[in-house]
Amino acid sequence: MTIGLCGSHRTGKTTLAEEISQRTGIPFVKTSTSEVFREHGLDPSRPMEIGRRLWIQHKILDAAERAWNSGHRQFITDRTPLDMAAYTLADIQGSTEVDFGKLEGYLERCIGVTNAFFKMLVLVQPGIPLVYETGKAALNEGYLEHLNFLILGLCNDDRIRSTFLYLHRDVIDKEARVKRSWRYSMRLGQAHAPAKRTTAPGSSFSG
């Protein structure tokens, strides 16, 4: 089982992934978005023009693919390519000049990598109290909501083959989050015998 936790920053994805890993023994593969920004002298909390955003997002996806190719048959991670796509789209406004070919190419890459790596996607929605941390992306509730709805839409794109679960906003207790995420993961695992798919692409659950 390969599980990708997705959602905006500061929603508790890393904490949830670590807890599920500890309880189940499934390896936790941590991504390194902040480190990639630091390596290239960029601040994720500051606005950037769309060309630079696309460039750094490709670097971030490169680093994530290297981590996910770590040799584990199954793992859980705290970020997916759909998160990366959402952050890119969130920078685009009505007046933004975009090379649509480059944008489309990046989005298609994100969808392809998602399908290649993840059997299940779990959207962790905003809800937990927000605490400022240096070097993290902008602590702006409106921005978090913007990202959340973008990721929700991307998870429901008809090109996504992963099964999709979203955690309800009022599920903020760590214990409840772990139980709901893992319960549906186990249900999915039982429904999929090797080399046999019994659930249609894009199937979704709520928890």
C-alpha atoms as a PDB file:
ATOM      1  CA  MET A   1       0.000   0.000   0.000  1.00  0.00           C
ATOM      2  CA  THR A   2       1.362   3.412  -0.974  1.00  0.00           C
ATOM      3  CA  ILE A   3      -0.448   6.293   0.722  1.00  0.00           C
ATOM      4  CA  GLY A   4       0.004   9.977  -0.070  1.00  0.00           C
ATOM      5  CA  LEU A   5      -1.271  12.536   2.438  1.00  0.00           C
ATOM      6  CA  CYS A   6      -2.170  15.714   0.614  1.00  0.00           C
ATOM      7  CA  GLY A   7      -3.454  19.118   1.641  1.00  0.00           C
ATOM      8  CA  SER A   8      -2.226  22.627   2.320  1.00  0.00           C
ATOM      9  CA  HIS A   9       0.670  23.283   4.667  1.00  0.00           C
ATOM     10  CA  ARG A  10       0.054  23.428   8.432  1.00  0.00           C
ATOM     11  CA  THR A  11      -2.737  20.853   8.457  1.00  0.00           C
ATOM     12  CA  GLY A  12      -0.868  18.112  10.331  1.00  0.00           C
ATOM     13  CA  LYS A  13       0.094  15.858   7.404  1.00  0.00           C
ATOM     14  CA  THR A  14       3.593  15.064   8.662  1.00  0.00           C
ATOM     15  CA  THR A  15       2.400  14.322  12.207  1.00  0.00           C
ATOM     16  CA  LEU A  16      -0.328  12.036  10.865  1.00  0.00           C
ATOM     17  CA  ALA A  17       2.041  10.224   8.490  1.00  0.00           C
ATOM     18  CA  GLU A  18       4.577   9.650  11.278  1.00  0.00           C
ATOM     19  CA  GLU A  19       1.900   8.309  13.615  1.00  0.00           C
ATOM     20  CA  ILE A  20       0.465   5.892  11.033  1.00  0.00           C
ATOM     21  CA  SER A  21       3.986   4.718  10.243  1.00  0.00           C
ATOM     22  CA  GLN A  22       4.788   4.069  13.909  1.00  0.00           C
ATOM     23  CA  ARG A  23       1.602   2.103  14.470  1.00  0.00           C
ATOM     24  CA  THR A  24       1.612   0.040  11.289  1.00  0.00           C
ATOM     25  CA  GLY A  25       5.278  -0.393  10.428  1.00  0.00           C
ATOM     26  CA  ILE A  26       4.774   1.098   6.960  1.00  0.00           C
ATOM     27  CA  PRO A  27       7.851   3.230   6.207  1.00  0.00           C
ATOM     28  CA  PHE A  28       7.360   6.979   6.347  1.00  0.00           C
ATOM     29  CA  VAL A  29       9.091   8.757   3.453  1.00  0.00           C
ATOM     30  CA  LYS A  30       9.476  12.443   4.277  1.00  0.00           C
ATOM     31  CA  THR A  31       9.623  14.996   1.482  1.00  0.00           C
ATOM     32  CA  SER A  32      11.958  17.983   1.528  1.00  0.00           C
ATOM     33  CA  THR A  33      10.196  21.013   0.052  1.00  0.00           C
ATOM     34  CA  SER A  34      11.693  23.537   2.499  1.00  0.00           C
ATOM     35  CA  GLU A  35      15.181  22.145   1.899  1.00  0.00           C
ATOM     36  CA  VAL A  36      14.792  22.526  -1.874  1.00  0.00           C
ATOM     37  CA  PHE A  37      13.767  26.169  -1.426  1.00  0.00           C
ATOM     38  CA  ARG A  38      16.778  26.772   0.838  1.00  0.00           C
ATOM     39  CA  GLU A  39      19.172  25.085  -1.609  1.00  0.00           C
ATOM     40  CA  HIS A  40      18.112  27.545  -4.296  1.00  0.00           C
ATOM     41  CA  GLY A  41      17.967  30.631  -2.072  1.00  0.00           C
ATOM     42  CA  LEU A  42      14.192  31.032  -2.212  1.00  0.00           C
ATOM     43  CA  ASP A  43      11.674  31.780   0.552  1.00  0.00           C
ATOM     44  CA  PRO A  44       8.433  29.741   0.256  1.00  0.00           C
ATOM     45  CA  SER A  45       6.502  32.394   2.212  1.00  0.00           C
ATOM     46  CA  ARG A  46       7.200  35.101  -0.387  1.00  0.00           C
ATOM     47  CA  PRO A  47       5.400  35.576  -3.738  1.00  0.00           C
ATOM     48  CA  MET A  48       7.279  34.674  -6.922  1.00  0.00           C
ATOM     49  CA  GLU A  49       6.596  35.097 -10.611  1.00  0.00           C
ATOM     50  CA  ILE A  50       5.061  32.093 -12.332  1.00  0.00           C
ATOM     51  CA  GLY A  51       8.124  31.200 -14.404  1.00  0.00           C
ATOM     52  CA  ARG A  52      10.264  30.932 -11.275  1.00  0.00           C
ATOM     53  CA  ARG A  53       7.460  29.030  -9.518  1.00  0.00           C
ATOM     54  CA  LEU A  54       7.320  26.421 -12.300  1.00  0.00           C
ATOM     55  CA  TRP A  55      11.100  26.061 -12.216  1.00  0.00           C
ATOM     56  CA  ILE A  56      11.313  25.454  -8.463  1.00  0.00           C
ATOM     57  CA  GLN A  57       8.259  23.171  -8.508  1.00  0.00           C
ATOM     58  CA  HIS A  58       9.999  20.888 -11.008  1.00  0.00           C
ATOM     59  CA  LYS A  59      13.012  20.803  -8.646  1.00  0.00           C
ATOM     60  CA  ILE A  60      10.713  19.920  -5.738  1.00  0.00           C
ATOM     61  CA  LEU A  61       9.085  17.117  -7.717  1.00  0.00           C
ATOM     62  CA  ASP A  62      12.523  15.829  -8.757  1.00  0.00           C
ATOM     63  CA  ALA A  63      13.535  15.600  -5.089  1.00  0.00           C
ATOM     64  CA  ALA A  64      10.265  13.924  -4.113  1.00  0.00           C
ATOM     65  CA  GLU A  65      10.580  11.300  -6.842  1.00  0.00           C
ATOM     66  CA  ARG A  66      14.073  10.462  -5.625  1.00  0.00           C
ATOM     67  CA  ALA A  67      12.699   9.977  -2.111  1.00  0.00           C
ATOM     68  CA  TRP A  68       9.726   7.879  -3.252  1.00  0.00           C
ATOM     69  CA  ASN A  69      12.045   5.688  -5.329  1.00  0.00           C
ATOM     70  CA  SER A  70      13.766   4.615  -2.121  1.00  0.00           C
ATOM     71  CA  GLY A  71      13.014   0.927  -2.769  1.00  0.00           C
ATOM     72  CA  HIS A  72      10.060   0.472  -0.392  1.00  0.00           C
ATOM     73  CA  ARG A  73       7.206  -1.582  -1.844  1.00  0.00           C
ATOM     74  CA  GLN A  74       4.840   0.296   0.419  1.00  0.00           C
ATOM     75  CA  PHE A  75       5.182   3.616   2.209  1.00  0.00           C
ATOM     76  CA  ILE A  76       3.322   6.662   3.456  1.00  0.00           C
ATOM     77  CA  THR A  77       4.412  10.208   2.686  1.00  0.00           C
ATOM     78  CA  ASP A  78       3.370  13.694   3.759  1.00  0.00           C
ATOM     79  CA  ARG A  79       3.078  15.333   0.342  1.00  0.00           C
ATOM     80  CA  THR A  80       1.987  14.391  -3.174  1.00  0.00           C
ATOM     81  CA  PRO A  81       2.478  15.845  -6.657  1.00  0.00           C
ATOM     82  CA  LEU A  82      -1.080  17.186  -6.479  1.00  0.00           C
ATOM     83  CA  ASP A  83      -0.025  19.462  -3.612  1.00  0.00           C
ATOM     84  CA  MET A  84       2.773  20.740  -5.815  1.00  0.00           C
ATOM     85  CA  ALA A  85       0.352  21.355  -8.676  1.00  0.00           C
ATOM     86  CA  ALA A  86      -1.973  23.261  -6.342  1.00  0.00           C
ATOM     87  CA  TYR A  87       0.791  25.572  -5.091  1.00  0.00           C
ATOM     88  CA  THR A  88       1.658  26.369  -8.688  1.00  0.00           C
ATOM     89  CA  LEU A  89      -1.949  27.078  -9.668  1.00  0.00           C
ATOM     90  CA  ALA A  90      -2.457  29.226  -6.556  1.00  0.00           C
ATOM     91  CA  ASP A  91       0.095  31.720  -7.879  1.00  0.00           C
ATOM     92  CA  ILE A  92      -1.957  32.386 -11.016  1.00  0.00           C
ATOM     93  CA  GLN A  93      -4.311  35.363 -11.023  1.00  0.00           C
ATOM     94  CA  GLY A  94      -6.406  36.847 -13.816  1.00  0.00           C
ATOM     95  CA  SER A  95      -3.605  39.172 -14.907  1.00  0.00           C
ATOM     96  CA  THR A  96      -0.780  36.607 -14.619  1.00  0.00           C
ATOM     97  CA  GLU A  97       1.073  36.000 -17.881  1.00  0.00           C
ATOM     98  CA  VAL A  98       1.533  32.246 -18.201  1.00  0.00           C
ATOM     99  CA  ASP A  99       3.241  30.062 -20.775  1.00  0.00           C
ATOM    100  CA  PHE A 100       0.327  27.625 -20.877  1.00  0.00           C
ATOM    101  CA  GLY A 101       2.327  24.915 -22.614  1.00  0.00           C
ATOM    102  CA  LYS A 102       4.853  24.838 -19.772  1.00  0.00           C
ATOM    103  CA  LEU A 103       2.106  24.954 -17.150  1.00  0.00           C
ATOM    104  CA  GLU A 104       0.164  22.161 -18.821  1.00  0.00           C
ATOM    105  CA  GLY A 105       3.313  20.070 -19.106  1.00  0.00           C
ATOM    106  CA  TYR A 106       4.002  20.461 -15.397  1.00  0.00           C
ATOM    107  CA  LEU A 107       0.433  19.588 -14.403  1.00  0.00           C
ATOM    108  CA  GLU A 108       0.500  16.492 -16.610  1.00  0.00           C
ATOM    109  CA  ARG A 109       3.771  15.480 -14.999  1.00  0.00           C
ATOM    110  CA  CYS A 110       2.205  15.842 -11.538  1.00  0.00           C
ATOM    111  CA  ILE A 111      -0.757  13.664 -12.526  1.00  0.00           C
ATOM    112  CA  GLY A 112       1.489  11.031 -14.094  1.00  0.00           C
ATOM    113  CA  VAL A 113       3.751  10.812 -11.044  1.00  0.00           C
ATOM    114  CA  THR A 114       0.727  10.593  -8.738  1.00  0.00           C
ATOM    115  CA  ASN A 115      -0.642   7.647 -10.713  1.00  0.00           C
ATOM    116  CA  ALA A 116       2.769   5.982 -10.814  1.00  0.00           C
ATOM    117  CA  PHE A 117       3.360   6.078  -7.062  1.00  0.00           C
ATOM    118  CA  PHE A 118       0.111   6.250  -5.089  1.00  0.00           C
ATOM    119  CA  LYS A 119      -2.632   3.706  -4.559  1.00  0.00           C
ATOM    120  CA  MET A 120      -4.441   5.984  -2.109  1.00  0.00           C
ATOM    121  CA  LEU A 121      -4.643   9.747  -1.515  1.00  0.00           C
ATOM    122  CA  VAL A 122      -5.827  11.195   1.808  1.00  0.00           C
ATOM    123  CA  LEU A 123      -6.755  14.880   1.881  1.00  0.00           C
ATOM    124  CA  VAL A 124      -6.030  16.385   5.307  1.00  0.00           C
ATOM    125  CA  GLN A 125      -8.135  19.538   5.469  1.00  0.00           C
ATOM    126  CA  PRO A 126      -7.533  22.724   7.504  1.00  0.00           C
ATOM    127  CA  GLY A 127      -8.821  22.633  11.058  1.00  0.00           C
ATOM    128  CA  ILE A 128      -6.011  22.296  13.589  1.00  0.00           C
ATOM    129  CA  PRO A 129      -4.759  25.466  15.361  1.00  0.00           C
ATOM    130  CA  LEU A 130      -2.169  27.384  13.352  1.00  0.00           C
ATOM    131  CA  VAL A 131       1.268  28.170  14.810  1.00  0.00           C
ATOM    132  CA  TYR A 132       3.890  30.314  13.051  1.00  0.00           C
ATOM    133  CA  GLU A 133       7.185  28.605  12.147  1.00  0.00           C
ATOM    134  CA  THR A 134      10.183  30.276  10.486  1.00  0.00           C
ATOM    135  CA  GLY A 135      10.918  29.057   6.965  1.00  0.00           C
ATOM    136  CA  LYS A 136       7.440  27.664   6.384  1.00  0.00           C
ATOM    137  CA  ALA A 137       4.940  28.788   3.740  1.00  0.00           C
ATOM    138  CA  ALA A 138       2.601  31.716   4.413  1.00  0.00           C
ATOM    139  CA  LEU A 139       0.412  31.394   7.517  1.00  0.00           C
ATOM    140  CA  ASN A 140      -2.744  32.799   5.940  1.00  0.00           C
ATOM    141  CA  GLU A 141      -6.080  31.080   6.527  1.00  0.00           C
ATOM    142  CA  GLY A 142      -7.533  32.350   3.248  1.00  0.00           C
ATOM    143  CA  TYR A 143      -4.527  30.995   1.359  1.00  0.00           C
ATOM    144  CA  LEU A 144      -4.853  27.627   3.110  1.00  0.00           C
ATOM    145  CA  GLU A 145      -8.501  27.434   2.048  1.00  0.00           C
ATOM    146  CA  HIS A 146      -7.561  28.359  -1.510  1.00  0.00           C
ATOM    147  CA  LEU A 147      -5.040  25.527  -1.606  1.00  0.00           C
ATOM    148  CA  ASN A 148      -7.433  23.075   0.037  1.00  0.00           C
ATOM    149  CA  PHE A 149     -10.075  23.601  -2.643  1.00  0.00           C
ATOM    150  CA  LEU A 150      -7.502  23.374  -5.429  1.00  0.00           C
ATOM    151  CA  ILE A 151      -6.242  20.039  -4.078  1.00  0.00           C
ATOM    152  CA  LEU A 152      -9.799  18.786  -3.603  1.00  0.00           C
ATOM    153  CA  GLY A 153     -10.457  19.505  -7.273  1.00  0.00           C
ATOM    154  CA  LEU A 154      -7.207  17.902  -8.427  1.00  0.00           C
ATOM    155  CA  CYS A 155      -7.915  14.727  -6.452  1.00  0.00           C
ATOM    156  CA  ASN A 156     -11.237  14.453  -8.305  1.00  0.00           C
ATOM    157  CA  ASP A 157      -9.703  14.970 -11.759  1.00  0.00           C
ATOM    158  CA  ASP A 158     -10.791  12.113 -14.027  1.00  0.00           C
ATOM    159  CA  ARG A 159      -7.166  11.385 -14.942  1.00  0.00           C
ATOM    160  CA  ILE A 160      -6.314  10.402 -11.360  1.00  0.00           C
ATOM    161  CA  ARG A 161      -6.408   6.628 -10.836  1.00  0.00           C
ATOM    162  CA  SER A 162      -5.740   6.647  -7.085  1.00  0.00           C
ATOM    163  CA  THR A 163      -8.530   6.039  -4.606  1.00  0.00           C
ATOM    164  CA  PHE A 164      -9.259   9.247  -2.724  1.00  0.00           C
ATOM    165  CA  LEU A 165     -10.281   9.793   0.918  1.00  0.00           C
ATOM    166  CA  TYR A 166     -10.851  13.166   2.545  1.00  0.00           C
ATOM    167  CA  LEU A 167     -10.879  13.690   6.286  1.00  0.00           C
ATOM    168  CA  HIS A 168     -13.743  15.878   7.455  1.00  0.00           C
ATOM    169  CA  ARG A 169     -12.714  19.285   8.773  1.00  0.00           C
ATOM    170  CA  ASP A 170     -13.987  18.557  12.267  1.00  0.00           C
ATOM    171  CA  VAL A 171     -11.712  15.510  12.566  1.00  0.00           C
ATOM    172  CA  ILE A 172      -8.737  17.225  14.212  1.00  0.00           C
ATOM    173  CA  ASP A 173      -7.951  14.733  16.991  1.00  0.00           C
ATOM    174  CA  LYS A 174      -4.831  12.762  16.049  1.00  0.00           C
ATOM    175  CA  GLU A 175      -6.256   9.455  17.234  1.00  0.00           C
ATOM    176  CA  ALA A 176      -9.415   9.896  15.144  1.00  0.00           C
ATOM    177  CA  ARG A 177      -7.399  10.907  12.099  1.00  0.00           C
ATOM    178  CA  VAL A 178      -5.183   7.848  12.368  1.00  0.00           C
ATOM    179  CA  LYS A 179      -8.088   5.450  12.786  1.00  0.00           C
ATOM    180  CA  ARG A 180     -10.105   6.841   9.886  1.00  0.00           C
ATOM    181  CA  SER A 181      -7.165   7.018   7.505  1.00  0.00           C
ATOM    182  CA  TRP A 182      -5.972   3.523   8.295  1.00  0.00           C
ATOM    183  CA  ARG A 183      -9.455   1.976   8.307  1.00  0.00           C
ATOM    184  CA  TYR A 184     -10.067   3.053   4.728  1.00  0.00           C
ATOM    185  CA  SER A 185      -6.545   2.088   3.718  1.00  0.00           C
ATOM    186  CA  MET A 186      -7.163  -1.424   5.008  1.00  0.00           C
ATOM    187  CA  ARG A 187     -10.501  -1.545   3.205  1.00  0.00           C
ATOM    188  CA  LEU A 188      -8.759  -0.571  -0.011  1.00  0.00           C
ATOM    189  CA  GLY A 189      -6.027  -3.154   0.527  1.00  0.00           C
ATOM    190  CA  GLN A 190      -8.582  -5.918   0.989  1.00  0.00           C
ATOM    191  CA  ALA A 191     -10.428  -4.828  -2.147  1.00  0.00           C
ATOM    192  CA  HIS A 192      -7.322  -5.024  -4.327  1.00  0.00           C
ATOM    193  CA  ALA A 193      -5.859  -8.482  -4.816  1.00  0.00           C
ATOM    194  CA  PRO A 194      -2.498  -8.550  -6.644  1.00  0.00           C
ATOM    195  CA  ALA A 195      -2.858  -7.620 -10.335  1.00  0.00           C
ATOM    196  CA  LYS A 196      -6.600  -7.199  -9.896  1.00  0.00           C
ATOM    197  CA  ARG A 197      -8.534  -3.955  -9.513  1.00  0.00           C
ATOM    198  CA  THR A 198     -12.037  -4.095  -8.086  1.00  0.00           C
ATOM    199  CA  THR A 199     -12.543  -0.366  -7.451  1.00  0.00           C
ATOM    200  CA  ALA A 200     -13.019   2.103 -10.275  1.00  0.00           C
ATOM    201  CA  PRO A 201     -10.347   4.779 -10.801  1.00  0.00           C
ATOM    202  CA  GLY A 202     -11.004   7.915  -8.803  1.00  0.00           C
ATOM    203  CA  SER A 203     -13.205   6.189  -6.196  1.00  0.00           C
ATOM    204  CA  SER A 204     -13.527   8.307  -3.079  1.00  0.00           C
ATOM    205  CA  PHE A 205     -14.484   7.954   0.564  1.00  0.00           C
ATOM    206  CA  SER A 206     -15.039  10.498   3.289  1.00  0.00           C
ATOM    207  CA  GLY A 207     -13.961  10.059   6.843  1.00  0.00           C
END
